[in-house]
Amino acid sequence: MRAVNVTVAASIGTTWWHYVVLFAAVAAFFFTPAIVSGTAKMRHRRFAFWNLLASLGFAVSVTASAYGLARLATGHTSARDIIILLVGLTVGVLIMVAFVRHHRRARVDGGPEKAGQVE
C-alpha cells in the first residue's frame, strides 16, 4: 500500500490565484478608504466616525437582508423573519438615499470637482 501525501490546499483545489484574490480583497477593504481620506485631506477623527458609521450600516443592511431572504427562501414566513428582511432593506435604502443626496448637494454647491471632497 502506497502512502498518499496530499496537503489540504491541494485537496480542495486551492491555487495561488485564490491567495492573490484574497489579498486584493483585503487590500481593497482596508487600504482604499485610507487612501481616499488621505487624498481628500480628511481629518482622522472625521474619517473614523464616518467609516465606522458606514461599516455598521453596511453590516446591518447586508446581514439582515441576507438572513431574511434565506429564511423566507427556506419556507420560514414568521413575522420576525419578514421584519428582519424589511429592516435590512430599509437600512440599505437609507444609506443609498443619504449617499445620493450628499453627492447631489455637493455638486450643486461646488461643481463636479468638489462633489467628492470633504470640507
C-alpha atoms as a PDB file:
ATOM      1  CA  MET A   1       0.000   0.000   0.000  1.00  0.00           C
ATOM      2  CA  ARG A   2       1.353   3.374  -1.038  1.00  0.00           C
ATOM      3  CA  ALA A   3       1.080   6.397   1.272  1.00  0.00           C
ATOM      4  CA  VAL A   4      -0.507   9.426  -0.312  1.00  0.00           C
ATOM      5  CA  ASN A   5       0.829  12.804   0.800  1.00  0.00           C
ATOM      6  CA  VAL A   6      -1.843  15.316  -0.130  1.00  0.00           C
ATOM      7  CA  THR A   7      -1.995  18.709   1.503  1.00  0.00           C
ATOM      8  CA  VAL A   8      -5.285  20.267   2.467  1.00  0.00           C
ATOM      9  CA  ALA A   9      -4.810  23.087  -0.025  1.00  0.00           C
ATOM     10  CA  ALA A  10      -4.269  20.690  -2.900  1.00  0.00           C
ATOM     11  CA  SER A  11      -7.166  18.504  -1.883  1.00  0.00           C
ATOM     12  CA  ILE A  12      -9.660  21.372  -2.110  1.00  0.00           C
ATOM     13  CA  GLY A  13      -8.194  22.715  -5.317  1.00  0.00           C
ATOM     14  CA  THR A  14      -6.639  25.901  -3.961  1.00  0.00           C
ATOM     15  CA  THR A  15      -4.229  27.556  -6.342  1.00  0.00           C
ATOM     16  CA  TRP A  16      -2.071  30.615  -5.934  1.00  0.00           C
ATOM     17  CA  TRP A  17      -4.813  32.704  -7.593  1.00  0.00           C
ATOM     18  CA  HIS A  18      -7.035  32.175  -4.569  1.00  0.00           C
ATOM     19  CA  TYR A  19      -4.400  33.851  -2.418  1.00  0.00           C
ATOM     20  CA  VAL A  20      -3.992  36.723  -4.867  1.00  0.00           C
ATOM     21  CA  VAL A  21      -7.745  37.351  -4.901  1.00  0.00           C
ATOM     22  CA  LEU A  22      -7.892  37.155  -1.101  1.00  0.00           C
ATOM     23  CA  PHE A  23      -5.030  39.647  -0.772  1.00  0.00           C
ATOM     24  CA  ALA A  24      -6.658  42.016  -3.270  1.00  0.00           C
ATOM     25  CA  ALA A  25      -9.951  41.891  -1.394  1.00  0.00           C
ATOM     26  CA  VAL A  26      -8.279  42.568   1.942  1.00  0.00           C
ATOM     27  CA  ALA A  27      -6.171  45.358   0.467  1.00  0.00           C
ATOM     28  CA  ALA A  28      -9.195  46.993  -1.142  1.00  0.00           C
ATOM     29  CA  PHE A  29     -11.215  46.711   2.066  1.00  0.00           C
ATOM     30  CA  PHE A  30      -8.579  48.161   4.399  1.00  0.00           C
ATOM     31  CA  PHE A  31      -6.439  50.474   2.283  1.00  0.00           C
ATOM     32  CA  THR A  32      -8.868  52.123  -0.152  1.00  0.00           C
ATOM     33  CA  PRO A  33     -10.734  54.174   2.480  1.00  0.00           C
ATOM     34  CA  ALA A  34      -7.438  55.297   3.992  1.00  0.00           C
ATOM     35  CA  ILE A  35      -6.076  56.387   0.606  1.00  0.00           C
ATOM     36  CA  VAL A  36      -9.285  58.196  -0.319  1.00  0.00           C
ATOM     37  CA  SER A  37      -9.414  60.027   3.005  1.00  0.00           C
ATOM     38  CA  GLY A  38      -5.762  60.977   2.644  1.00  0.00           C
ATOM     39  CA  THR A  39      -6.222  62.427  -0.818  1.00  0.00           C
ATOM     40  CA  ALA A  40      -9.307  64.308   0.358  1.00  0.00           C
ATOM     41  CA  LYS A  41      -7.282  65.677   3.310  1.00  0.00           C
ATOM     42  CA  MET A  42      -9.917  64.472   5.744  1.00  0.00           C
ATOM     43  CA  ARG A  43      -9.230  64.789   9.462  1.00  0.00           C
ATOM     44  CA  HIS A  44      -8.628  61.461  11.189  1.00  0.00           C
ATOM     45  CA  ARG A  45     -11.461  61.854  13.719  1.00  0.00           C
ATOM     46  CA  ARG A  46     -13.963  62.652  10.977  1.00  0.00           C
ATOM     47  CA  PHE A  47     -12.748  59.756   8.850  1.00  0.00           C
ATOM     48  CA  ALA A  48     -13.011  57.338  11.774  1.00  0.00           C
ATOM     49  CA  PHE A  49     -16.559  58.459  12.593  1.00  0.00           C
ATOM     50  CA  TRP A  50     -17.887  58.176   9.040  1.00  0.00           C
ATOM     51  CA  ASN A  51     -16.008  54.957   8.346  1.00  0.00           C
ATOM     52  CA  LEU A  52     -17.475  53.376  11.490  1.00  0.00           C
ATOM     53  CA  LEU A  53     -20.966  54.594  10.633  1.00  0.00           C
ATOM     54  CA  ALA A  54     -20.720  53.305   7.060  1.00  0.00           C
ATOM     55  CA  SER A  55     -19.332  49.945   8.206  1.00  0.00           C
ATOM     56  CA  LEU A  56     -22.092  49.431  10.747  1.00  0.00           C
ATOM     57  CA  GLY A  57     -24.796  50.449   8.303  1.00  0.00           C
ATOM     58  CA  PHE A  58     -23.434  48.162   5.597  1.00  0.00           C
ATOM     59  CA  ALA A  59     -23.063  45.241   8.001  1.00  0.00           C
ATOM     60  CA  VAL A  60     -26.590  45.623   9.375  1.00  0.00           C
ATOM     61  CA  SER A  61     -28.072  46.019   5.908  1.00  0.00           C
ATOM     62  CA  VAL A  62     -26.340  43.060   4.300  1.00  0.00           C
ATOM     63  CA  THR A  63     -26.617  40.723   7.284  1.00  0.00           C
ATOM     64  CA  ALA A  64     -30.297  41.383   7.948  1.00  0.00           C
ATOM     65  CA  SER A  65     -31.214  41.246   4.259  1.00  0.00           C
ATOM     66  CA  ALA A  66     -29.330  38.001   3.645  1.00  0.00           C
ATOM     67  CA  TYR A  67     -30.718  36.393   6.789  1.00  0.00           C
ATOM     68  CA  GLY A  68     -34.268  37.466   5.994  1.00  0.00           C
ATOM     69  CA  LEU A  69     -34.057  36.305   2.382  1.00  0.00           C
ATOM     70  CA  ALA A  70     -32.566  32.963   3.384  1.00  0.00           C
ATOM     71  CA  ARG A  71     -35.264  32.377   5.985  1.00  0.00           C
ATOM     72  CA  LEU A  72     -38.029  33.237   3.516  1.00  0.00           C
ATOM     73  CA  ALA A  73     -36.450  31.098   0.787  1.00  0.00           C
ATOM     74  CA  THR A  74     -36.431  28.096   3.103  1.00  0.00           C
ATOM     75  CA  GLY A  75     -40.098  28.469   3.967  1.00  0.00           C
ATOM     76  CA  HIS A  76     -39.907  30.307   7.281  1.00  0.00           C
ATOM     77  CA  THR A  77     -42.525  33.029   6.945  1.00  0.00           C
ATOM     78  CA  SER A  78     -42.907  34.224  10.511  1.00  0.00           C
ATOM     79  CA  ALA A  79     -43.440  37.911  11.201  1.00  0.00           C
ATOM     80  CA  ARG A  80     -39.989  38.094  12.825  1.00  0.00           C
ATOM     81  CA  ASP A  81     -38.250  36.915   9.643  1.00  0.00           C
ATOM     82  CA  ILE A  82     -40.164  39.353   7.463  1.00  0.00           C
ATOM     83  CA  ILE A  83     -39.391  42.230   9.849  1.00  0.00           C
ATOM     84  CA  ILE A  84     -35.675  41.366   9.800  1.00  0.00           C
ATOM     85  CA  LEU A  85     -35.705  41.415   5.996  1.00  0.00           C
ATOM     86  CA  LEU A  86     -37.526  44.749   5.943  1.00  0.00           C
ATOM     87  CA  VAL A  87     -35.086  46.279   8.449  1.00  0.00           C
ATOM     88  CA  GLY A  88     -32.133  45.214   6.295  1.00  0.00           C
ATOM     89  CA  LEU A  89     -33.678  46.563   3.114  1.00  0.00           C
ATOM     90  CA  THR A  90     -34.691  49.814   4.835  1.00  0.00           C
ATOM     91  CA  VAL A  91     -31.192  50.427   6.180  1.00  0.00           C
ATOM     92  CA  GLY A  92     -29.746  49.775   2.707  1.00  0.00           C
ATOM     93  CA  VAL A  93     -32.192  52.163   1.061  1.00  0.00           C
ATOM     94  CA  LEU A  94     -31.499  54.863   3.671  1.00  0.00           C
ATOM     95  CA  ILE A  95     -27.755  54.547   3.078  1.00  0.00           C
ATOM     96  CA  MET A  96     -28.229  54.929  -0.682  1.00  0.00           C
ATOM     97  CA  VAL A  97     -30.576  57.927  -0.274  1.00  0.00           C
ATOM     98  CA  ALA A  98     -28.103  59.658   2.045  1.00  0.00           C
ATOM     99  CA  PHE A  99     -25.253  58.979  -0.387  1.00  0.00           C
ATOM    100  CA  VAL A 100     -27.136  60.308  -3.425  1.00  0.00           C
ATOM    101  CA  ARG A 101     -28.389  63.381  -1.552  1.00  0.00           C
ATOM    102  CA  HIS A 102     -24.884  64.201  -0.313  1.00  0.00           C
ATOM    103  CA  HIS A 103     -23.370  63.999  -3.784  1.00  0.00           C
ATOM    104  CA  ARG A 104     -26.168  65.998  -5.394  1.00  0.00           C
ATOM    105  CA  ARG A 105     -25.832  68.701  -2.735  1.00  0.00           C
ATOM    106  CA  ALA A 106     -22.049  68.788  -3.126  1.00  0.00           C
ATOM    107  CA  ARG A 107     -22.346  69.027  -6.902  1.00  0.00           C
ATOM    108  CA  VAL A 108     -24.794  71.956  -6.667  1.00  0.00           C
ATOM    109  CA  ASP A 109     -22.703  73.771  -4.055  1.00  0.00           C
ATOM    110  CA  GLY A 110     -19.281  73.463  -5.616  1.00  0.00           C
ATOM    111  CA  GLY A 111     -19.460  71.912  -9.041  1.00  0.00           C
ATOM    112  CA  PRO A 112     -18.379  68.425 -10.114  1.00  0.00           C
ATOM    113  CA  GLU A 113     -14.790  68.916  -8.922  1.00  0.00           C
ATOM    114  CA  LYS A 114     -15.971  69.330  -5.312  1.00  0.00           C
ATOM    115  CA  ALA A 115     -18.570  66.555  -5.344  1.00  0.00           C
ATOM    116  CA  GLY A 116     -16.204  64.033  -3.788  1.00  0.00           C
ATOM    117  CA  GLN A 117     -14.265  66.380  -1.491  1.00  0.00           C
ATOM    118  CA  VAL A 118     -14.879  66.732   2.198  1.00  0.00           C
ATOM    119  CA  GLU A 119     -14.679  70.086   3.917  1.00  0.00           C
END
